All heavy atoms as atom14 arrays in JSON, in Angstrom:
{
  "sequence": "PGEQSHQRCVLFGAPLLESVRALLGLASEMHLS",
  "atom14_mask": [
    [1, 1, 1, 1, 1, 1, 1, 0, 0, 0, 0, 0, 0, 0],
    [1, 1, 1, 1, 0, 0, 0, 0, 0, 0, 0, 0, 0, 0],
    [1, 1, 1, 1, 1, 1, 1, 1, 1, 0, 0, 0, 0, 0],
    [1, 1, 1, 1, 1, 1, 1, 1, 1, 0, 0, 0, 0, 0],
    [1, 1, 1, 1, 1, 1, 0, 0, 0, 0, 0, 0, 0, 0],
    [1, 1, 1, 1, 1, 1, 1, 1, 1, 1, 0, 0, 0, 0],
    [1, 1, 1, 1, 1, 1, 1, 1, 1, 0, 0, 0, 0, 0],
    [1, 1, 1, 1, 1, 1, 1, 1, 1, 1, 1, 0, 0, 0],
    [1, 1, 1, 1, 1, 1, 0, 0, 0, 0, 0, 0, 0, 0],
    [1, 1, 1, 1, 1, 1, 1, 0, 0, 0, 0, 0, 0, 0],
    [1, 1, 1, 1, 1, 1, 1, 1, 0, 0, 0, 0, 0, 0],
    [1, 1, 1, 1, 1, 1, 1, 1, 1, 1, 1, 0, 0, 0],
    [1, 1, 1, 1, 0, 0, 0, 0, 0, 0, 0, 0, 0, 0],
    [1, 1, 1, 1, 1, 0, 0, 0, 0, 0, 0, 0, 0, 0],
    [1, 1, 1, 1, 1, 1, 1, 0, 0, 0, 0, 0, 0, 0],
    [1, 1, 1, 1, 1, 1, 1, 1, 0, 0, 0, 0, 0, 0],
    [1, 1, 1, 1, 1, 1, 1, 1, 0, 0, 0, 0, 0, 0],
    [1, 1, 1, 1, 1, 1, 1, 1, 1, 0, 0, 0, 0, 0],
    [1, 1, 1, 1, 1, 1, 0, 0, 0, 0, 0, 0, 0, 0],
    [1, 1, 1, 1, 1, 1, 1, 0, 0, 0, 0, 0, 0, 0],
    [1, 1, 1, 1, 1, 1, 1, 1, 1, 1, 1, 0, 0, 0],
    [1, 1, 1, 1, 1, 0, 0, 0, 0, 0, 0, 0, 0, 0],
    [1, 1, 1, 1, 1, 1, 1, 1, 0, 0, 0, 0, 0, 0],
    [1, 1, 1, 1, 1, 1, 1, 1, 0, 0, 0, 0, 0, 0],
    [1, 1, 1, 1, 0, 0, 0, 0, 0, 0, 0, 0, 0, 0],
    [1, 1, 1, 1, 1, 1, 1, 1, 0, 0, 0, 0, 0, 0],
    [1, 1, 1, 1, 1, 0, 0, 0, 0, 0, 0, 0, 0, 0],
    [1, 1, 1, 1, 1, 1, 0, 0, 0, 0, 0, 0, 0, 0],
    [1, 1, 1, 1, 1, 1, 1, 1, 1, 0, 0, 0, 0, 0],
    [1, 1, 1, 1, 1, 1, 1, 1, 0, 0, 0, 0, 0, 0],
    [1, 1, 1, 1, 1, 1, 1, 1, 1, 1, 0, 0, 0, 0],
    [1, 1, 1, 1, 1, 1, 1, 1, 0, 0, 0, 0, 0, 0],
    [1, 1, 1, 1, 1, 1, 0, 0, 0, 0, 0, 0, 0, 0]
  ],
  "atom14_positions": [
    [[76.2, 80.54, 94.99], [76.48, 80.6, 96.46], [76.87, 79.2, 96.96], [76.19, 78.24, 96.63], [75.24, 81.14, 97.05], [74.5, 81.86, 95.91], [74.84, 81.09, 94.71], [0.0, 0.0, 0.0], [0.0, 0.0, 0.0], [0.0, 0.0, 0.0], [0.0, 0.0, 0.0], [0.0, 0.0, 0.0], [0.0, 0.0, 0.0], [0.0, 0.0, 0.0]],
    [[77.91, 79.16, 97.74], [78.27, 77.83, 98.36], [79.51, 78.02, 99.22], [80.24, 79.06, 99.09], [0.0, 0.0, 0.0], [0.0, 0.0, 0.0], [0.0, 0.0, 0.0], [0.0, 0.0, 0.0], [0.0, 0.0, 0.0], [0.0, 0.0, 0.0], [0.0, 0.0, 0.0], [0.0, 0.0, 0.0], [0.0, 0.0, 0.0], [0.0, 0.0, 0.0]],
    [[79.8, 77.05, 100.0], [80.93, 77.15, 100.92], [82.24, 77.17, 100.18], [83.21, 77.87, 100.57], [80.92, 75.93, 101.83], [82.0, 75.97, 102.96], [81.82, 77.21, 103.85], [80.67, 77.63, 104.09], [82.86, 77.7, 104.29], [0.0, 0.0, 0.0], [0.0, 0.0, 0.0], [0.0, 0.0, 0.0], [0.0, 0.0, 0.0], [0.0, 0.0, 0.0]],
    [[82.36, 76.46, 99.04], [83.63, 76.46, 98.32], [83.97, 77.79, 97.75], [85.09, 78.26, 97.87], [83.56, 75.37, 97.21], [84.94, 75.18, 96.51], [84.85, 74.11, 95.42], [84.0, 74.2, 94.53], [85.7, 73.14, 95.52], [0.0, 0.0, 0.0], [0.0, 0.0, 0.0], [0.0, 0.0, 0.0], [0.0, 0.0, 0.0], [0.0, 0.0, 0.0]],
    [[83.0, 78.41, 97.1], [83.21, 79.69, 96.49], [83.45, 80.75, 97.54], [84.22, 81.71, 97.37], [82.01, 80.15, 95.61], [80.82, 80.06, 96.25], [0.0, 0.0, 0.0], [0.0, 0.0, 0.0], [0.0, 0.0, 0.0], [0.0, 0.0, 0.0], [0.0, 0.0, 0.0], [0.0, 0.0, 0.0], [0.0, 0.0, 0.0], [0.0, 0.0, 0.0]],
    [[82.81, 80.57, 98.73], [83.02, 81.51, 99.86], [84.5, 81.39, 100.36], [85.15, 82.42, 100.62], [82.05, 81.23, 100.96], [82.2, 82.11, 102.17], [82.61, 81.6, 103.39], [82.1, 83.44, 102.32], [82.68, 82.66, 104.22], [82.33, 83.75, 103.58], [0.0, 0.0, 0.0], [0.0, 0.0, 0.0], [0.0, 0.0, 0.0], [0.0, 0.0, 0.0]],
    [[84.94, 80.18, 100.49], [86.34, 79.97, 100.94], [87.38, 80.57, 100.01], [88.45, 80.99, 100.39], [86.61, 78.5, 101.23], [85.95, 77.94, 102.53], [86.37, 78.75, 103.7], [87.57, 79.01, 103.9], [85.41, 79.14, 104.56], [0.0, 0.0, 0.0], [0.0, 0.0, 0.0], [0.0, 0.0, 0.0], [0.0, 0.0, 0.0], [0.0, 0.0, 0.0]],
    [[87.06, 80.49, 98.71], [87.92, 81.11, 97.74], [88.05, 82.59, 97.96], [89.15, 83.18, 97.74], [87.44, 80.77, 96.33], [87.64, 79.31, 95.93], [87.0, 79.03, 94.57], [87.1, 77.65, 94.22], [86.47, 77.08, 93.19], [85.6, 77.81, 92.44], [86.64, 75.77, 92.88], [0.0, 0.0, 0.0], [0.0, 0.0, 0.0], [0.0, 0.0, 0.0]],
    [[86.98, 83.22, 98.24], [86.97, 84.69, 98.53], [87.91, 84.98, 99.73], [88.71, 85.9, 99.7], [85.61, 85.18, 98.85], [84.46, 85.21, 97.46], [0.0, 0.0, 0.0], [0.0, 0.0, 0.0], [0.0, 0.0, 0.0], [0.0, 0.0, 0.0], [0.0, 0.0, 0.0], [0.0, 0.0, 0.0], [0.0, 0.0, 0.0], [0.0, 0.0, 0.0]],
    [[87.8, 84.13, 100.78], [88.66, 84.32, 101.94], [90.12, 84.05, 101.55], [91.05, 84.81, 102.01], [88.23, 83.34, 103.05], [89.2, 83.39, 104.25], [86.79, 83.6, 103.49], [0.0, 0.0, 0.0], [0.0, 0.0, 0.0], [0.0, 0.0, 0.0], [0.0, 0.0, 0.0], [0.0, 0.0, 0.0], [0.0, 0.0, 0.0], [0.0, 0.0, 0.0]],
    [[90.37, 83.01, 100.76], [91.67, 82.63, 100.33], [92.4, 83.79, 99.53], [93.54, 84.13, 99.81], [91.6, 81.36, 99.49], [92.98, 80.72, 99.08], [93.72, 80.25, 100.27], [92.7, 79.6, 98.12], [0.0, 0.0, 0.0], [0.0, 0.0, 0.0], [0.0, 0.0, 0.0], [0.0, 0.0, 0.0], [0.0, 0.0, 0.0], [0.0, 0.0, 0.0]],
    [[91.7, 84.35, 98.59], [92.34, 85.39, 97.73], [92.24, 86.76, 98.32], [92.88, 87.68, 97.8], [91.66, 85.39, 96.36], [92.11, 84.21, 95.51], [91.36, 83.04, 95.39], [93.33, 84.28, 94.82], [91.81, 81.98, 94.65], [93.81, 83.23, 94.08], [93.05, 82.11, 93.98], [0.0, 0.0, 0.0], [0.0, 0.0, 0.0], [0.0, 0.0, 0.0]],
    [[91.52, 86.94, 99.41], [91.54, 88.24, 100.12], [92.9, 88.45, 100.81], [93.35, 89.59, 100.88], [0.0, 0.0, 0.0], [0.0, 0.0, 0.0], [0.0, 0.0, 0.0], [0.0, 0.0, 0.0], [0.0, 0.0, 0.0], [0.0, 0.0, 0.0], [0.0, 0.0, 0.0], [0.0, 0.0, 0.0], [0.0, 0.0, 0.0], [0.0, 0.0, 0.0]],
    [[93.48, 87.36, 101.34], [94.74, 87.47, 102.08], [95.87, 88.06, 101.26], [96.53, 89.01, 101.68], [95.12, 86.14, 102.66], [0.0, 0.0, 0.0], [0.0, 0.0, 0.0], [0.0, 0.0, 0.0], [0.0, 0.0, 0.0], [0.0, 0.0, 0.0], [0.0, 0.0, 0.0], [0.0, 0.0, 0.0], [0.0, 0.0, 0.0], [0.0, 0.0, 0.0]],
    [[96.14, 87.56, 100.05], [97.24, 88.1, 99.25], [96.98, 89.53, 98.79], [97.91, 90.32, 98.63], [97.37, 87.18, 98.03], [96.08, 86.42, 97.98], [95.6, 86.3, 99.37], [0.0, 0.0, 0.0], [0.0, 0.0, 0.0], [0.0, 0.0, 0.0], [0.0, 0.0, 0.0], [0.0, 0.0, 0.0], [0.0, 0.0, 0.0], [0.0, 0.0, 0.0]],
    [[95.67, 89.9, 98.62], [95.43, 91.27, 98.22], [95.79, 92.24, 99.41], [96.39, 93.27, 99.19], [93.86, 91.46, 97.94], [93.41, 92.87, 97.7], [94.15, 93.48, 96.47], [91.9, 92.95, 97.45], [0.0, 0.0, 0.0], [0.0, 0.0, 0.0], [0.0, 0.0, 0.0], [0.0, 0.0, 0.0], [0.0, 0.0, 0.0], [0.0, 0.0, 0.0]],
    [[95.42, 91.86, 100.65], [95.74, 92.7, 101.78], [97.25, 92.8, 101.94], [97.81, 93.82, 102.32], [95.12, 92.12, 103.04], [93.58, 92.24, 103.1], [93.08, 91.59, 104.38], [93.12, 93.7, 103.03], [0.0, 0.0, 0.0], [0.0, 0.0, 0.0], [0.0, 0.0, 0.0], [0.0, 0.0, 0.0], [0.0, 0.0, 0.0], [0.0, 0.0, 0.0]],
    [[97.97, 91.69, 101.69], [99.44, 91.72, 101.79], [100.07, 92.6, 100.78], [101.05, 93.35, 101.05], [100.02, 90.31, 101.7], [99.87, 89.48, 102.97], [100.62, 90.15, 104.13], [101.8, 90.47, 103.98], [100.02, 90.34, 105.16], [0.0, 0.0, 0.0], [0.0, 0.0, 0.0], [0.0, 0.0, 0.0], [0.0, 0.0, 0.0], [0.0, 0.0, 0.0]],
    [[99.57, 92.59, 99.53], [100.1, 93.4, 98.48], [99.85, 94.93, 98.77], [100.66, 95.78, 98.48], [99.52, 93.01, 97.14], [98.14, 93.12, 97.07], [0.0, 0.0, 0.0], [0.0, 0.0, 0.0], [0.0, 0.0, 0.0], [0.0, 0.0, 0.0], [0.0, 0.0, 0.0], [0.0, 0.0, 0.0], [0.0, 0.0, 0.0], [0.0, 0.0, 0.0]],
    [[98.67, 95.2, 99.34], [98.32, 96.56, 99.71], [99.26, 97.06, 100.82], [99.76, 98.17, 100.79], [96.84, 96.66, 100.14], [96.58, 98.04, 100.74], [95.93, 96.49, 98.92], [0.0, 0.0, 0.0], [0.0, 0.0, 0.0], [0.0, 0.0, 0.0], [0.0, 0.0, 0.0], [0.0, 0.0, 0.0], [0.0, 0.0, 0.0], [0.0, 0.0, 0.0]],
    [[99.49, 96.16, 101.83], [100.37, 96.52, 102.92], [101.82, 96.82, 102.4], [102.46, 97.75, 102.81], [100.41, 95.35, 103.91], [101.22, 95.69, 105.18], [101.4, 94.42, 106.02], [102.2, 93.37, 105.32], [103.47, 93.39, 105.2], [104.19, 94.37, 105.78], [104.07, 92.39, 104.58], [0.0, 0.0, 0.0], [0.0, 0.0, 0.0], [0.0, 0.0, 0.0]],
    [[102.25, 96.05, 101.46], [103.6, 96.24, 100.88], [103.68, 97.55, 100.12], [104.66, 98.36, 100.23], [103.96, 95.09, 99.93], [0.0, 0.0, 0.0], [0.0, 0.0, 0.0], [0.0, 0.0, 0.0], [0.0, 0.0, 0.0], [0.0, 0.0, 0.0], [0.0, 0.0, 0.0], [0.0, 0.0, 0.0], [0.0, 0.0, 0.0], [0.0, 0.0, 0.0]],
    [[102.6, 97.88, 99.38], [102.63, 99.19, 98.64], [102.63, 100.36, 99.61], [103.35, 101.34, 99.36], [101.34, 99.22, 97.72], [101.16, 100.54, 96.93], [102.36, 100.72, 95.99], [99.88, 100.5, 96.21], [0.0, 0.0, 0.0], [0.0, 0.0, 0.0], [0.0, 0.0, 0.0], [0.0, 0.0, 0.0], [0.0, 0.0, 0.0], [0.0, 0.0, 0.0]],
    [[101.83, 100.27, 100.68], [101.8, 101.3, 101.65], [103.17, 101.46, 102.33], [103.61, 102.63, 102.63], [100.71, 101.07, 102.7], [99.35, 101.48, 102.26], [98.33, 101.16, 103.38], [99.3, 102.97, 102.02], [0.0, 0.0, 0.0], [0.0, 0.0, 0.0], [0.0, 0.0, 0.0], [0.0, 0.0, 0.0], [0.0, 0.0, 0.0], [0.0, 0.0, 0.0]],
    [[103.83, 100.37, 102.59], [105.16, 100.46, 103.16], [106.12, 101.19, 102.26], [106.9, 102.06, 102.74], [0.0, 0.0, 0.0], [0.0, 0.0, 0.0], [0.0, 0.0, 0.0], [0.0, 0.0, 0.0], [0.0, 0.0, 0.0], [0.0, 0.0, 0.0], [0.0, 0.0, 0.0], [0.0, 0.0, 0.0], [0.0, 0.0, 0.0], [0.0, 0.0, 0.0]],
    [[106.03, 100.94, 100.97], [106.87, 101.67, 100.0], [106.46, 103.12, 99.94], [107.33, 104.05, 99.86], [106.71, 101.0, 98.66], [107.69, 101.38, 97.5], [109.09, 101.09, 97.93], [107.3, 100.68, 96.2], [0.0, 0.0, 0.0], [0.0, 0.0, 0.0], [0.0, 0.0, 0.0], [0.0, 0.0, 0.0], [0.0, 0.0, 0.0], [0.0, 0.0, 0.0]],
    [[105.17, 103.42, 99.97], [104.65, 104.77, 99.83], [105.01, 105.6, 100.99], [104.95, 106.87, 100.97], [103.14, 104.75, 99.62], [0.0, 0.0, 0.0], [0.0, 0.0, 0.0], [0.0, 0.0, 0.0], [0.0, 0.0, 0.0], [0.0, 0.0, 0.0], [0.0, 0.0, 0.0], [0.0, 0.0, 0.0], [0.0, 0.0, 0.0], [0.0, 0.0, 0.0]],
    [[105.3, 104.97, 102.15], [105.57, 105.73, 103.37], [107.03, 106.27, 103.4], [107.38, 107.06, 104.3], [105.34, 104.89, 104.62], [106.24, 103.78, 104.64], [0.0, 0.0, 0.0], [0.0, 0.0, 0.0], [0.0, 0.0, 0.0], [0.0, 0.0, 0.0], [0.0, 0.0, 0.0], [0.0, 0.0, 0.0], [0.0, 0.0, 0.0], [0.0, 0.0, 0.0]],
    [[107.84, 105.84, 102.45], [109.21, 106.35, 102.39], [109.28, 107.85, 102.18], [108.42, 108.38, 101.44], [110.01, 105.57, 101.34], [110.22, 104.11, 101.67], [111.14, 103.42, 100.64], [111.58, 104.12, 99.72], [111.31, 102.23, 100.75], [0.0, 0.0, 0.0], [0.0, 0.0, 0.0], [0.0, 0.0, 0.0], [0.0, 0.0, 0.0], [0.0, 0.0, 0.0]],
    [[110.24, 108.48, 102.77], [110.27, 109.95, 102.71], [110.34, 110.53, 101.29], [109.8, 111.59, 100.99], [111.49, 110.46, 103.51], [111.55, 111.95, 103.7], [112.91, 112.48, 104.8], [114.33, 111.83, 103.86], [0.0, 0.0, 0.0], [0.0, 0.0, 0.0], [0.0, 0.0, 0.0], [0.0, 0.0, 0.0], [0.0, 0.0, 0.0], [0.0, 0.0, 0.0]],
    [[110.95, 109.77, 100.4], [111.0, 110.23, 98.99], [109.62, 110.43, 98.38], [109.48, 111.27, 97.45], [111.8, 109.21, 98.12], [112.97, 108.62, 98.82], [114.13, 109.32, 99.03], [113.2, 107.43, 99.33], [115.0, 108.54, 99.67], [114.47, 107.36, 99.86], [0.0, 0.0, 0.0], [0.0, 0.0, 0.0], [0.0, 0.0, 0.0], [0.0, 0.0, 0.0]],
    [[108.64, 109.66, 98.86], [107.33, 109.67, 98.27], [106.29, 110.39, 99.16], [105.37, 110.98, 98.63], [106.87, 108.2, 98.05], [107.66, 107.42, 97.06], [107.24, 105.95, 97.04], [107.56, 108.02, 95.63], [0.0, 0.0, 0.0], [0.0, 0.0, 0.0], [0.0, 0.0, 0.0], [0.0, 0.0, 0.0], [0.0, 0.0, 0.0], [0.0, 0.0, 0.0]],
    [[106.45, 110.32, 100.44], [105.43, 110.88, 101.36], [105.78, 112.25, 101.8], [104.96, 112.99, 102.41], [105.25, 109.97, 102.56], [106.41, 109.89, 103.34], [0.0, 0.0, 0.0], [0.0, 0.0, 0.0], [0.0, 0.0, 0.0], [0.0, 0.0, 0.0], [0.0, 0.0, 0.0], [0.0, 0.0, 0.0], [0.0, 0.0, 0.0], [0.0, 0.0, 0.0]]
  ]
}
């Protein structure tokens, strides 16, 4: 436990959320939904 490892969690959470958002955008297309 420490501030540095905590900040890394915050740092790498952002690209995960962006990749999930992109996948959902693709999945919402009529061909798939």
